[in-house]
Amino acid sequence: MGGTVGGDRGGSDGAAARHALVGPPDLWEMKRQFQIDFLRGVGLQPQHRLLDLGCGTLRGGIPLIAHLDPGNYAGVEVRRDVLDEGRRELAEAGLAGKSPQLVHCERLAELDLGRRFDVVWAFAVLIHMEDGILDEAVAAVARHLEDDGVFYATAHFGTEPDGSWQGFPLVRREAAFYTDVFGRAGLSMADMGPLTSFGHQHPRLTAEVQACQRMLRATKGRAG
């Protein structure tokens, strides 16, 4: 169902240009479909409340908003202009009636949405955070996660030097680093495996690189 929502834009140049703000313009449809497929595969139900950390242009958010009951989606984004594009995407998809909560936030240490969530989702977000910001982000997740909730996030394992992307760092970290960061926030982390094992295939990355792109799962104070 994720592939049909907002289908009037389809693979148009306009959609590709919009979603180029958050990733490769030719892969936005694959990355949109991957997110809804993964989350539904791990049990996301319409009645669940979901926080999308780094929601961007709603590349992944549109099918999630469509899937969830009204008011159950919240998206947080650091870039105001990118979130404005997300709002336009929402209107064009005809989903404004689902009443998602879309929040511009430049300091995650100050984030307070006034409610907690069953699922927190961070797709291709933690890899663009410096260490201090990562700590703030994971602490914000812990504040907003229900006691029996689950946090899913993607990460890039490795020790290669940091890169950059659209003014953000591109950071590779060892698994133990994430375990420590999550632990400081009271979260227990598990590595679920490479994204490829869940259907994410990047046509321009080697198998070795894709094997380092991992899905993390974290819960409060218990084994992931």
N, C-alpha and C. Protein backbone atom coordinates (compact mmCIF):
# COMPACT_ATOMS: atom_id res chain seq x y z
N MET A 1 0.80 -1.20 0.00
CA MET A 1 0.00 0.00 0.00
C MET A 1 0.84 1.26 0.00
N GLY A 2 2.10 1.15 0.53
CA GLY A 2 2.94 2.33 0.57
C GLY A 2 3.28 2.85 -0.80
N GLY A 3 3.31 1.98 -1.82
CA GLY A 3 3.69 2.42 -3.14
C GLY A 3 2.60 3.17 -3.87
N THR A 4 1.35 3.12 -3.36
CA THR A 4 0.26 3.78 -4.06
C THR A 4 -0.12 5.10 -3.44
N VAL A 5 0.25 5.36 -2.18
CA VAL A 5 -0.10 6.62 -1.55
C VAL A 5 0.65 7.75 -2.22
N GLY A 6 -0.06 8.82 -2.56
CA GLY A 6 0.57 9.93 -3.23
C GLY A 6 1.06 9.57 -4.62
N GLY A 7 0.43 8.61 -5.22
CA GLY A 7 0.90 8.08 -6.50
C GLY A 7 0.77 9.02 -7.66
N ASP A 8 0.02 10.13 -7.50
CA ASP A 8 -0.09 11.07 -8.60
C ASP A 8 1.25 11.72 -8.90
N ARG A 9 2.15 11.77 -7.89
CA ARG A 9 3.50 12.28 -8.15
C ARG A 9 4.38 11.18 -8.71
N GLY A 10 4.13 9.92 -8.23
CA GLY A 10 4.85 8.78 -8.75
C GLY A 10 6.35 9.02 -8.79
N GLY A 11 6.97 8.68 -9.95
CA GLY A 11 8.40 8.88 -10.11
C GLY A 11 8.69 10.19 -10.80
N SER A 12 7.86 11.18 -10.63
CA SER A 12 8.00 12.45 -11.33
C SER A 12 9.27 13.18 -10.93
N ASP A 13 9.68 14.10 -11.78
CA ASP A 13 10.85 14.91 -11.47
C ASP A 13 10.64 15.72 -10.21
N GLY A 14 9.39 16.18 -9.98
CA GLY A 14 9.10 16.96 -8.78
C GLY A 14 9.31 16.17 -7.52
N ALA A 15 8.85 14.93 -7.49
CA ALA A 15 9.03 14.09 -6.31
C ALA A 15 10.51 13.79 -6.10
N ALA A 16 11.22 13.48 -7.17
CA ALA A 16 12.65 13.17 -7.05
C ALA A 16 13.41 14.37 -6.51
N ALA A 17 13.08 15.58 -7.00
CA ALA A 17 13.76 16.79 -6.53
C ALA A 17 13.47 17.04 -5.06
N ARG A 18 12.23 16.85 -4.67
CA ARG A 18 11.87 17.05 -3.26
C ARG A 18 12.63 16.09 -2.37
N HIS A 19 12.61 14.81 -2.70
CA HIS A 19 13.21 13.81 -1.82
C HIS A 19 14.72 13.74 -1.95
N ALA A 20 15.29 14.46 -2.93
CA ALA A 20 16.74 14.60 -2.99
C ALA A 20 17.27 15.35 -1.78
N LEU A 21 16.39 16.05 -1.07
CA LEU A 21 16.78 16.75 0.14
C LEU A 21 17.13 15.77 1.26
N VAL A 22 16.70 14.51 1.13
CA VAL A 22 16.94 13.53 2.19
C VAL A 22 17.66 12.27 1.70
N GLY A 23 18.04 12.22 0.43
CA GLY A 23 18.73 11.04 -0.07
C GLY A 23 18.82 11.01 -1.57
N PRO A 24 19.32 9.92 -2.14
CA PRO A 24 19.47 9.83 -3.59
C PRO A 24 18.12 10.00 -4.29
N PRO A 25 18.02 10.92 -5.25
CA PRO A 25 16.73 11.19 -5.88
C PRO A 25 16.15 10.01 -6.65
N ASP A 26 17.00 9.11 -7.13
CA ASP A 26 16.49 7.98 -7.90
C ASP A 26 16.07 6.80 -7.02
N LEU A 27 16.31 6.90 -5.71
CA LEU A 27 16.00 5.78 -4.82
C LEU A 27 14.89 6.10 -3.83
N TRP A 28 14.22 7.24 -3.97
CA TRP A 28 13.26 7.63 -2.95
C TRP A 28 12.09 6.65 -2.85
N GLU A 29 11.65 6.11 -3.98
CA GLU A 29 10.52 5.18 -3.93
C GLU A 29 10.91 3.88 -3.22
N MET A 30 12.12 3.38 -3.48
CA MET A 30 12.59 2.18 -2.80
C MET A 30 12.70 2.42 -1.30
N LYS A 31 13.25 3.57 -0.92
CA LYS A 31 13.44 3.86 0.50
C LYS A 31 12.11 4.12 1.20
N ARG A 32 11.15 4.69 0.50
CA ARG A 32 9.80 4.83 1.06
C ARG A 32 9.18 3.47 1.31
N GLN A 33 9.22 2.60 0.31
CA GLN A 33 8.61 1.29 0.43
C GLN A 33 9.29 0.46 1.50
N PHE A 34 10.62 0.57 1.60
CA PHE A 34 11.35 -0.20 2.59
C PHE A 34 10.86 0.13 4.00
N GLN A 35 10.64 1.41 4.28
CA GLN A 35 10.29 1.80 5.64
C GLN A 35 8.92 1.25 6.07
N ILE A 36 7.93 1.38 5.23
CA ILE A 36 6.61 0.86 5.60
C ILE A 36 6.64 -0.66 5.65
N ASP A 37 7.35 -1.28 4.74
CA ASP A 37 7.42 -2.75 4.74
C ASP A 37 8.11 -3.25 6.01
N PHE A 38 9.21 -2.62 6.39
CA PHE A 38 9.92 -3.07 7.59
C PHE A 38 9.04 -2.90 8.82
N LEU A 39 8.46 -1.72 8.99
CA LEU A 39 7.71 -1.45 10.22
C LEU A 39 6.44 -2.30 10.31
N ARG A 40 5.79 -2.51 9.19
CA ARG A 40 4.64 -3.42 9.24
C ARG A 40 5.11 -4.85 9.52
N GLY A 41 6.27 -5.19 9.00
CA GLY A 41 6.80 -6.53 9.22
C GLY A 41 7.15 -6.81 10.67
N VAL A 42 7.51 -5.77 11.44
CA VAL A 42 7.82 -5.98 12.85
C VAL A 42 6.60 -5.72 13.73
N GLY A 43 5.43 -5.53 13.09
CA GLY A 43 4.19 -5.50 13.86
C GLY A 43 3.53 -4.16 14.06
N LEU A 44 3.92 -3.13 13.31
CA LEU A 44 3.28 -1.83 13.47
C LEU A 44 1.80 -1.91 13.09
N GLN A 45 0.94 -1.55 14.03
CA GLN A 45 -0.50 -1.59 13.83
C GLN A 45 -1.06 -0.17 13.78
N PRO A 46 -2.24 0.01 13.16
CA PRO A 46 -2.81 1.36 13.06
C PRO A 46 -2.99 2.07 14.40
N GLN A 47 -3.25 1.31 15.47
CA GLN A 47 -3.49 1.93 16.77
C GLN A 47 -2.21 2.34 17.48
N HIS A 48 -1.05 1.94 16.95
CA HIS A 48 0.21 2.31 17.58
C HIS A 48 0.53 3.79 17.33
N ARG A 49 1.20 4.39 18.28
CA ARG A 49 1.69 5.76 18.15
C ARG A 49 3.16 5.70 17.75
N LEU A 50 3.52 6.41 16.69
CA LEU A 50 4.89 6.34 16.14
C LEU A 50 5.51 7.72 16.06
N LEU A 51 6.75 7.82 16.53
CA LEU A 51 7.55 9.02 16.40
C LEU A 51 8.63 8.78 15.35
N ASP A 52 8.63 9.59 14.30
CA ASP A 52 9.57 9.50 13.20
C ASP A 52 10.63 10.58 13.42
N LEU A 53 11.79 10.18 13.93
CA LEU A 53 12.86 11.12 14.25
C LEU A 53 13.66 11.42 12.99
N GLY A 54 13.65 12.68 12.57
CA GLY A 54 14.28 13.04 11.31
C GLY A 54 13.38 12.71 10.15
N CYS A 55 12.14 13.17 10.22
CA CYS A 55 11.11 12.78 9.23
C CYS A 55 11.33 13.40 7.86
N GLY A 56 12.13 14.46 7.78
CA GLY A 56 12.47 15.05 6.49
C GLY A 56 11.28 15.49 5.66
N THR A 57 11.26 15.08 4.41
CA THR A 57 10.22 15.46 3.46
C THR A 57 9.02 14.52 3.51
N LEU A 58 8.98 13.66 4.52
CA LEU A 58 7.97 12.60 4.63
C LEU A 58 8.12 11.57 3.52
N ARG A 59 9.34 11.40 3.06
CA ARG A 59 9.63 10.35 2.09
C ARG A 59 9.15 9.00 2.63
N GLY A 60 9.49 8.72 3.88
CA GLY A 60 9.00 7.51 4.52
C GLY A 60 7.71 7.72 5.28
N GLY A 61 7.42 8.95 5.64
CA GLY A 61 6.29 9.23 6.50
C GLY A 61 4.93 9.08 5.86
N ILE A 62 4.83 9.34 4.56
CA ILE A 62 3.51 9.32 3.91
C ILE A 62 2.80 7.97 4.06
N PRO A 63 3.40 6.84 3.71
CA PRO A 63 2.69 5.57 3.91
C PRO A 63 2.48 5.24 5.38
N LEU A 64 3.34 5.73 6.26
CA LEU A 64 3.14 5.49 7.68
C LEU A 64 1.92 6.26 8.18
N ILE A 65 1.79 7.50 7.77
CA ILE A 65 0.62 8.29 8.14
C ILE A 65 -0.65 7.63 7.63
N ALA A 66 -0.59 7.12 6.40
CA ALA A 66 -1.75 6.45 5.82
C ALA A 66 -2.11 5.19 6.60
N HIS A 67 -1.11 4.48 7.10
CA HIS A 67 -1.32 3.22 7.81
C HIS A 67 -1.85 3.43 9.22
N LEU A 68 -1.40 4.49 9.89
CA LEU A 68 -1.74 4.71 11.28
C LEU A 68 -3.09 5.42 11.44
N ASP A 69 -3.70 5.21 12.59
CA ASP A 69 -4.93 5.94 12.91
C ASP A 69 -4.65 7.43 13.01
N PRO A 70 -5.67 8.28 12.80
CA PRO A 70 -5.46 9.73 12.88
C PRO A 70 -4.79 10.15 14.18
N GLY A 71 -3.81 11.03 14.06
CA GLY A 71 -3.12 11.57 15.21
C GLY A 71 -2.01 10.70 15.78
N ASN A 72 -1.80 9.53 15.20
CA ASN A 72 -0.83 8.60 15.78
C ASN A 72 0.58 8.72 15.21
N TYR A 73 0.77 9.61 14.25
CA TYR A 73 2.10 9.84 13.69
C TYR A 73 2.61 11.20 14.15
N ALA A 74 3.86 11.22 14.60
CA ALA A 74 4.55 12.48 14.89
C ALA A 74 5.90 12.44 14.18
N GLY A 75 6.24 13.53 13.52
CA GLY A 75 7.52 13.64 12.84
C GLY A 75 8.28 14.85 13.35
N VAL A 76 9.58 14.67 13.57
CA VAL A 76 10.45 15.75 14.04
C VAL A 76 11.57 15.93 13.04
N GLU A 77 11.84 17.18 12.71
CA GLU A 77 12.86 17.49 11.69
C GLU A 77 13.64 18.74 12.10
N VAL A 78 14.96 18.71 11.90
CA VAL A 78 15.81 19.82 12.29
C VAL A 78 15.81 20.94 11.26
N ARG A 79 15.54 20.63 10.00
CA ARG A 79 15.60 21.64 8.93
C ARG A 79 14.20 22.13 8.60
N ARG A 80 13.96 23.41 8.84
CA ARG A 80 12.62 23.96 8.63
C ARG A 80 12.17 23.87 7.18
N ASP A 81 13.08 24.19 6.24
CA ASP A 81 12.69 24.17 4.82
C ASP A 81 12.36 22.77 4.35
N VAL A 82 13.06 21.77 4.89
CA VAL A 82 12.78 20.39 4.53
C VAL A 82 11.43 19.95 5.08
N LEU A 83 11.12 20.36 6.31
CA LEU A 83 9.82 20.02 6.88
C LEU A 83 8.69 20.71 6.12
N ASP A 84 8.93 21.92 5.63
CA ASP A 84 7.93 22.59 4.80
C ASP A 84 7.63 21.77 3.55
N GLU A 85 8.66 21.17 2.97
CA GLU A 85 8.43 20.29 1.82
C GLU A 85 7.61 19.07 2.25
N GLY A 86 7.86 18.58 3.44
CA GLY A 86 7.06 17.48 3.95
C GLY A 86 5.60 17.84 4.09
N ARG A 87 5.32 19.03 4.55
CA ARG A 87 3.93 19.49 4.67
C ARG A 87 3.28 19.57 3.29
N ARG A 88 4.04 20.01 2.30
CA ARG A 88 3.48 20.04 0.94
C ARG A 88 3.22 18.62 0.43
N GLU A 89 4.14 17.71 0.74
CA GLU A 89 3.95 16.31 0.36
C GLU A 89 2.69 15.74 1.00
N LEU A 90 2.47 16.08 2.26
CA LEU A 90 1.29 15.62 2.98
C LEU A 90 0.01 16.11 2.31
N ALA A 91 -0.02 17.38 1.95
CA ALA A 91 -1.21 17.94 1.30
C ALA A 91 -1.44 17.30 -0.06
N GLU A 92 -0.37 17.10 -0.83
CA GLU A 92 -0.51 16.51 -2.15
C GLU A 92 -0.96 15.05 -2.09
N ALA A 93 -0.61 14.38 -1.00
CA ALA A 93 -1.04 12.99 -0.82
C ALA A 93 -2.47 12.89 -0.29
N GLY A 94 -3.07 14.02 0.05
CA GLY A 94 -4.45 14.02 0.56
C GLY A 94 -4.58 13.43 1.95
N LEU A 95 -3.52 13.57 2.77
CA LEU A 95 -3.52 12.93 4.08
C LEU A 95 -3.55 13.91 5.25
N ALA A 96 -3.82 15.18 4.98
CA ALA A 96 -3.85 16.16 6.07
C ALA A 96 -4.89 15.79 7.12
N GLY A 97 -5.96 15.13 6.70
CA GLY A 97 -7.01 14.72 7.63
C GLY A 97 -6.56 13.69 8.64
N LYS A 98 -5.40 13.08 8.42
CA LYS A 98 -4.86 12.14 9.40
C LYS A 98 -4.21 12.87 10.60
N SER A 99 -4.13 14.18 10.51
CA SER A 99 -3.66 15.04 11.61
C SER A 99 -2.33 14.61 12.20
N PRO A 100 -1.31 14.41 11.38
CA PRO A 100 0.00 14.10 11.95
C PRO A 100 0.56 15.32 12.67
N GLN A 101 1.39 15.07 13.68
CA GLN A 101 2.07 16.13 14.41
C GLN A 101 3.45 16.30 13.78
N LEU A 102 3.69 17.45 13.13
CA LEU A 102 4.96 17.72 12.46
C LEU A 102 5.65 18.86 13.19
N VAL A 103 6.84 18.60 13.68
CA VAL A 103 7.51 19.52 14.59
C VAL A 103 8.91 19.86 14.09
N HIS A 104 9.18 21.16 13.98
CA HIS A 104 10.54 21.62 13.69
C HIS A 104 11.27 21.77 15.01
N CYS A 105 12.43 21.11 15.15
CA CYS A 105 13.19 21.16 16.40
C CYS A 105 14.67 21.18 16.08
N GLU A 106 15.35 22.23 16.51
CA GLU A 106 16.78 22.34 16.25
C GLU A 106 17.63 21.79 17.39
N ARG A 107 17.04 21.63 18.58
CA ARG A 107 17.78 21.11 19.73
C ARG A 107 16.98 19.97 20.36
N LEU A 108 17.43 18.75 20.10
CA LEU A 108 16.70 17.60 20.60
C LEU A 108 16.74 17.50 22.13
N ALA A 109 17.71 18.15 22.76
CA ALA A 109 17.76 18.17 24.22
C ALA A 109 16.53 18.86 24.79
N GLU A 110 15.89 19.72 24.01
CA GLU A 110 14.72 20.47 24.47
C GLU A 110 13.40 19.88 23.96
N LEU A 111 13.46 18.79 23.23
CA LEU A 111 12.25 18.24 22.64
C LEU A 111 11.32 17.67 23.70
N ASP A 112 10.06 18.12 23.66
CA ASP A 112 9.03 17.60 24.54
C ASP A 112 7.70 17.64 23.80
N LEU A 113 7.27 16.48 23.31
CA LEU A 113 6.03 16.40 22.54
C LEU A 113 4.81 16.18 23.41
N GLY A 114 5.01 16.03 24.69
CA GLY A 114 3.89 15.91 25.60
C GLY A 114 3.18 14.57 25.58
N ARG A 115 3.80 13.58 24.98
CA ARG A 115 3.22 12.24 24.96
C ARG A 115 4.33 11.24 24.67
N ARG A 116 4.00 9.97 24.85
CA ARG A 116 4.97 8.91 24.59
C ARG A 116 4.46 8.00 23.47
N PHE A 117 5.39 7.20 22.93
CA PHE A 117 5.11 6.48 21.69
C PHE A 117 5.42 4.98 21.85
N ASP A 118 4.66 4.19 21.10
CA ASP A 118 4.89 2.75 21.08
C ASP A 118 6.12 2.39 20.26
N VAL A 119 6.35 3.17 19.20
CA VAL A 119 7.48 2.94 18.30
C VAL A 119 8.15 4.27 18.01
N VAL A 120 9.46 4.29 18.12
CA VAL A 120 10.26 5.43 17.63
C VAL A 120 11.12 4.90 16.49
N TRP A 121 11.20 5.67 15.42
CA TRP A 121 11.84 5.24 14.17
C TRP A 121 12.83 6.31 13.74
N ALA A 122 14.06 5.89 13.43
CA ALA A 122 15.08 6.82 12.93
C ALA A 122 15.79 6.14 11.77
N PHE A 123 15.35 6.48 10.55
CA PHE A 123 15.91 5.87 9.35
C PHE A 123 16.93 6.82 8.73
N ALA A 124 18.19 6.37 8.63
CA ALA A 124 19.27 7.15 8.03
C ALA A 124 19.41 8.51 8.71
N VAL A 125 19.34 8.51 10.03
CA VAL A 125 19.39 9.74 10.81
C VAL A 125 20.59 9.75 11.76
N LEU A 126 20.78 8.70 12.54
CA LEU A 126 21.86 8.68 13.52
C LEU A 126 23.23 8.79 12.85
N ILE A 127 23.33 8.35 11.61
CA ILE A 127 24.60 8.41 10.89
C ILE A 127 25.02 9.84 10.56
N HIS A 128 24.09 10.80 10.72
CA HIS A 128 24.40 12.20 10.41
C HIS A 128 24.53 13.04 11.68
N MET A 129 24.75 12.40 12.83
CA MET A 129 24.83 13.13 14.10
C MET A 129 26.23 13.03 14.69
N GLU A 130 26.77 14.18 15.11
CA GLU A 130 27.99 14.17 15.89
C GLU A 130 27.70 13.51 17.24
N ASP A 131 28.76 13.12 17.95
CA ASP A 131 28.58 12.33 19.16
C ASP A 131 27.68 13.00 20.19
N GLY A 132 27.89 14.29 20.45
CA GLY A 132 27.08 14.99 21.45
C GLY A 132 25.61 15.05 21.06
N ILE A 133 25.35 15.27 19.78
CA ILE A 133 23.97 15.33 19.31
C ILE A 133 23.34 13.95 19.36
N LEU A 134 24.13 12.93 19.08
CA LEU A 134 23.62 11.56 19.18
C LEU A 134 23.16 11.27 20.60
N ASP A 135 23.95 11.66 21.59
CA ASP A 135 23.55 11.48 22.98
C ASP A 135 22.22 12.17 23.26
N GLU A 136 22.06 13.40 22.79
CA GLU A 136 20.83 14.14 23.01
C GLU A 136 19.65 13.46 22.31
N ALA A 137 19.90 12.94 21.12
CA ALA A 137 18.84 12.29 20.36
C ALA A 137 18.36 11.02 21.05
N VAL A 138 19.29 10.20 21.50
CA VAL A 138 18.91 8.95 22.15
C VAL A 138 18.23 9.22 23.49
N ALA A 139 18.67 10.26 24.20
CA ALA A 139 17.99 10.64 25.44
C ALA A 139 16.57 11.11 25.15
N ALA A 140 16.38 11.84 24.05
CA ALA A 140 15.04 12.28 23.67
C ALA A 140 14.15 11.09 23.32
N VAL A 141 14.73 10.11 22.64
CA VAL A 141 13.99 8.88 22.35
C VAL A 141 13.53 8.22 23.63
N ALA A 142 14.43 8.07 24.59
CA ALA A 142 14.09 7.42 25.85
C ALA A 142 12.98 8.16 26.59
N ARG A 143 13.01 9.50 26.53
CA ARG A 143 11.95 10.29 27.20
C ARG A 143 10.59 10.06 26.57
N HIS A 144 10.57 9.81 25.28
CA HIS A 144 9.31 9.72 24.54
C HIS A 144 8.84 8.29 24.30
N LEU A 145 9.63 7.31 24.70
CA LEU A 145 9.28 5.92 24.44
C LEU A 145 8.46 5.34 25.59
N GLU A 146 7.36 4.67 25.24
CA GLU A 146 6.59 3.96 26.25
C GLU A 146 7.46 2.91 26.93
N ASP A 147 7.09 2.53 28.15
CA ASP A 147 7.90 1.56 28.88
C ASP A 147 8.04 0.24 28.13
N ASP A 148 7.01 -0.12 27.37
CA ASP A 148 7.07 -1.35 26.57
C ASP A 148 7.25 -1.06 25.09
N GLY A 149 7.70 0.16 24.78
CA GLY A 149 7.89 0.56 23.39
C GLY A 149 9.20 0.06 22.81
N VAL A 150 9.36 0.27 21.50
CA VAL A 150 10.56 -0.19 20.79
C VAL A 150 11.10 0.95 19.92
N PHE A 151 12.40 1.09 19.94
CA PHE A 151 13.11 2.06 19.09
C PHE A 151 13.87 1.29 18.02
N TYR A 152 13.58 1.61 16.75
CA TYR A 152 14.30 1.04 15.63
C TYR A 152 15.09 2.16 14.95
N ALA A 153 16.35 1.88 14.64
CA ALA A 153 17.19 2.89 14.00
C ALA A 153 18.22 2.21 13.11
N THR A 154 18.60 2.90 12.05
CA THR A 154 19.66 2.39 11.19
C THR A 154 20.99 3.04 11.58
N ALA A 155 22.06 2.30 11.36
CA ALA A 155 23.40 2.78 11.67
C ALA A 155 24.37 2.19 10.65
N HIS A 156 25.54 2.81 10.57
CA HIS A 156 26.60 2.29 9.70
C HIS A 156 27.76 1.90 10.58
N PHE A 157 28.03 0.60 10.66
CA PHE A 157 29.14 0.10 11.47
C PHE A 157 30.45 0.25 10.70
N GLY A 158 31.50 0.55 11.42
CA GLY A 158 32.80 0.64 10.78
C GLY A 158 33.69 1.64 11.50
N THR A 159 34.93 1.73 11.03
CA THR A 159 35.92 2.63 11.64
C THR A 159 36.52 3.59 10.62
N GLU A 160 35.90 3.68 9.43
CA GLU A 160 36.42 4.58 8.41
C GLU A 160 36.29 6.03 8.86
N PRO A 161 37.12 6.93 8.32
CA PRO A 161 37.00 8.35 8.66
C PRO A 161 35.61 8.90 8.31
N ASP A 162 35.17 9.88 9.08
CA ASP A 162 33.88 10.49 8.82
C ASP A 162 33.86 11.19 7.47
N GLY A 163 32.69 11.20 6.85
CA GLY A 163 32.48 11.95 5.62
C GLY A 163 31.50 13.08 5.88
N SER A 164 30.85 13.56 4.82
CA SER A 164 29.85 14.62 4.97
C SER A 164 28.79 14.46 3.90
N TRP A 165 27.62 15.02 4.20
CA TRP A 165 26.49 14.97 3.28
C TRP A 165 25.58 16.16 3.55
N GLN A 166 25.43 17.04 2.56
CA GLN A 166 24.55 18.20 2.64
C GLN A 166 24.77 18.99 3.93
N GLY A 167 26.03 19.15 4.32
CA GLY A 167 26.35 19.92 5.51
C GLY A 167 26.30 19.15 6.81
N PHE A 168 25.90 17.89 6.77
CA PHE A 168 25.87 17.04 7.94
C PHE A 168 27.05 16.07 7.90
N PRO A 169 27.52 15.63 9.06
CA PRO A 169 28.55 14.59 9.06
C PRO A 169 27.97 13.26 8.58
N LEU A 170 28.82 12.41 8.09
CA LEU A 170 28.45 11.04 7.74
C LEU A 170 29.37 10.14 8.56
N VAL A 171 28.80 9.54 9.61
CA VAL A 171 29.60 8.93 10.66
C VAL A 171 29.45 7.41 10.67
N ARG A 172 30.59 6.72 10.68
CA ARG A 172 30.61 5.28 10.91
C ARG A 172 31.08 5.04 12.35
N ARG A 173 30.41 4.15 13.03
CA ARG A 173 30.77 3.86 14.43
C ARG A 173 30.78 2.35 14.64
N GLU A 174 31.51 1.92 15.66
CA GLU A 174 31.50 0.51 16.02
C GLU A 174 30.24 0.19 16.83
N ALA A 175 29.82 -1.06 16.79
CA ALA A 175 28.60 -1.46 17.48
C ALA A 175 28.66 -1.13 18.96
N ALA A 176 29.83 -1.32 19.57
CA ALA A 176 29.97 -1.08 21.00
C ALA A 176 29.70 0.38 21.36
N PHE A 177 30.02 1.28 20.44
CA PHE A 177 29.76 2.70 20.69
C PHE A 177 28.27 2.94 20.86
N TYR A 178 27.47 2.39 19.94
CA TYR A 178 26.02 2.54 20.05
C TYR A 178 25.47 1.87 21.30
N THR A 179 26.01 0.71 21.64
CA THR A 179 25.58 0.03 22.86
C THR A 179 25.77 0.92 24.08
N ASP A 180 26.90 1.61 24.14
CA ASP A 180 27.19 2.50 25.27
C ASP A 180 26.27 3.71 25.27
N VAL A 181 26.05 4.32 24.11
CA VAL A 181 25.18 5.51 24.03
C VAL A 181 23.76 5.15 24.44
N PHE A 182 23.26 4.06 23.91
CA PHE A 182 21.91 3.64 24.25
C PHE A 182 21.82 3.30 25.74
N GLY A 183 22.85 2.64 26.26
CA GLY A 183 22.85 2.25 27.66
C GLY A 183 22.79 3.45 28.59
N ARG A 184 23.49 4.54 28.23
CA ARG A 184 23.46 5.74 29.08
C ARG A 184 22.06 6.33 29.17
N ALA A 185 21.23 6.07 28.18
CA ALA A 185 19.85 6.56 28.18
C ALA A 185 18.87 5.54 28.75
N GLY A 186 19.41 4.43 29.27
CA GLY A 186 18.54 3.42 29.85
C GLY A 186 17.92 2.48 28.84
N LEU A 187 18.53 2.40 27.66
CA LEU A 187 18.01 1.54 26.60
C LEU A 187 18.95 0.36 26.36
N SER A 188 18.37 -0.78 26.10
CA SER A 188 19.12 -2.01 25.81
C SER A 188 19.05 -2.24 24.30
N MET A 189 20.21 -2.33 23.65
CA MET A 189 20.28 -2.37 22.18
C MET A 189 20.63 -3.75 21.66
N ALA A 190 20.06 -4.10 20.52
CA ALA A 190 20.43 -5.32 19.80
C ALA A 190 20.61 -4.98 18.33
N ASP A 191 21.59 -5.62 17.70
CA ASP A 191 21.82 -5.49 16.26
C ASP A 191 20.97 -6.54 15.55
N MET A 192 20.02 -6.09 14.74
CA MET A 192 19.11 -7.01 14.05
C MET A 192 19.72 -7.56 12.76
N GLY A 193 20.82 -6.96 12.30
CA GLY A 193 21.44 -7.44 11.07
C GLY A 193 21.47 -6.37 9.99
N PRO A 194 22.03 -6.71 8.82
CA PRO A 194 22.14 -5.73 7.73
C PRO A 194 20.78 -5.38 7.14
N LEU A 195 20.67 -4.17 6.62
CA LEU A 195 19.42 -3.74 5.98
C LEU A 195 19.06 -4.63 4.81
N THR A 196 20.06 -5.21 4.16
CA THR A 196 19.78 -6.07 3.02
C THR A 196 18.93 -7.27 3.42
N SER A 197 19.06 -7.72 4.66
CA SER A 197 18.27 -8.87 5.09
C SER A 197 16.80 -8.53 5.26
N PHE A 198 16.48 -7.23 5.21
CA PHE A 198 15.09 -6.79 5.30
C PHE A 198 14.59 -6.22 3.96
N GLY A 199 15.39 -6.39 2.91
CA GLY A 199 14.95 -6.00 1.59
C GLY A 199 15.49 -4.69 1.06
N HIS A 200 16.40 -4.03 1.79
CA HIS A 200 16.97 -2.76 1.34
C HIS A 200 18.17 -3.06 0.45
N GLN A 201 18.07 -2.72 -0.82
CA GLN A 201 19.14 -2.98 -1.78
C GLN A 201 19.54 -1.68 -2.47
N HIS A 202 20.80 -1.30 -2.31
CA HIS A 202 21.32 -0.07 -2.93
C HIS A 202 22.10 -0.47 -4.18
N PRO A 203 21.69 0.01 -5.36
CA PRO A 203 22.32 -0.45 -6.60
C PRO A 203 23.76 0.00 -6.81
N ARG A 204 24.21 0.98 -6.03
CA ARG A 204 25.56 1.52 -6.27
C ARG A 204 26.54 1.23 -5.14
N LEU A 205 26.11 0.53 -4.13
CA LEU A 205 27.01 0.19 -3.03
C LEU A 205 27.41 -1.27 -3.10
N THR A 206 28.64 -1.55 -2.77
CA THR A 206 29.12 -2.93 -2.79
C THR A 206 28.44 -3.74 -1.69
N ALA A 207 28.49 -5.05 -1.84
CA ALA A 207 27.93 -5.93 -0.82
C ALA A 207 28.63 -5.72 0.52
N GLU A 208 29.93 -5.44 0.48
CA GLU A 208 30.68 -5.22 1.71
C GLU A 208 30.18 -3.98 2.45
N VAL A 209 29.96 -2.90 1.72
CA VAL A 209 29.46 -1.67 2.33
C VAL A 209 28.04 -1.88 2.86
N GLN A 210 27.19 -2.53 2.08
CA GLN A 210 25.81 -2.74 2.51
C GLN A 210 25.74 -3.63 3.75
N ALA A 211 26.71 -4.52 3.90
CA ALA A 211 26.73 -5.37 5.09
C ALA A 211 26.98 -4.57 6.36
N CYS A 212 27.55 -3.37 6.21
CA CYS A 212 27.81 -2.50 7.37
C CYS A 212 26.62 -1.62 7.72
N GLN A 213 25.62 -1.57 6.86
CA GLN A 213 24.41 -0.80 7.14
C GLN A 213 23.47 -1.68 7.95
N ARG A 214 23.26 -1.32 9.22
CA ARG A 214 22.60 -2.22 10.16
C ARG A 214 21.29 -1.64 10.69
N MET A 215 20.42 -2.56 11.10
CA MET A 215 19.19 -2.17 11.78
C MET A 215 19.37 -2.46 13.26
N LEU A 216 19.14 -1.44 14.09
CA LEU A 216 19.25 -1.56 15.54
C LEU A 216 17.85 -1.57 16.15
N ARG A 217 17.74 -2.29 17.26
CA ARG A 217 16.48 -2.36 18.00
C ARG A 217 16.80 -2.11 19.46
N ALA A 218 16.04 -1.22 20.11
CA ALA A 218 16.32 -0.91 21.51
C ALA A 218 15.02 -0.85 22.30
N THR A 219 15.12 -1.27 23.56
CA THR A 219 13.99 -1.26 24.47
C THR A 219 14.46 -0.72 25.81
N LYS A 220 13.52 -0.41 26.67
CA LYS A 220 13.87 0.14 27.97
C LYS A 220 14.26 -0.96 28.95
N GLY A 221 15.49 -0.98 29.35
CA GLY A 221 15.95 -1.78 30.45
C GLY A 221 15.76 -3.27 30.35
N ARG A 222 15.63 -3.79 29.12
CA ARG A 222 15.53 -5.23 28.96
C ARG A 222 16.21 -5.61 27.66
N ALA A 223 16.48 -6.88 27.48
CA ALA A 223 17.18 -7.33 26.28
C ALA A 223 16.41 -6.96 25.06
N GLY A 224 17.13 -6.49 24.01
CA GLY A 224 16.47 -6.09 22.78
C GLY A 224 16.01 -7.24 21.98
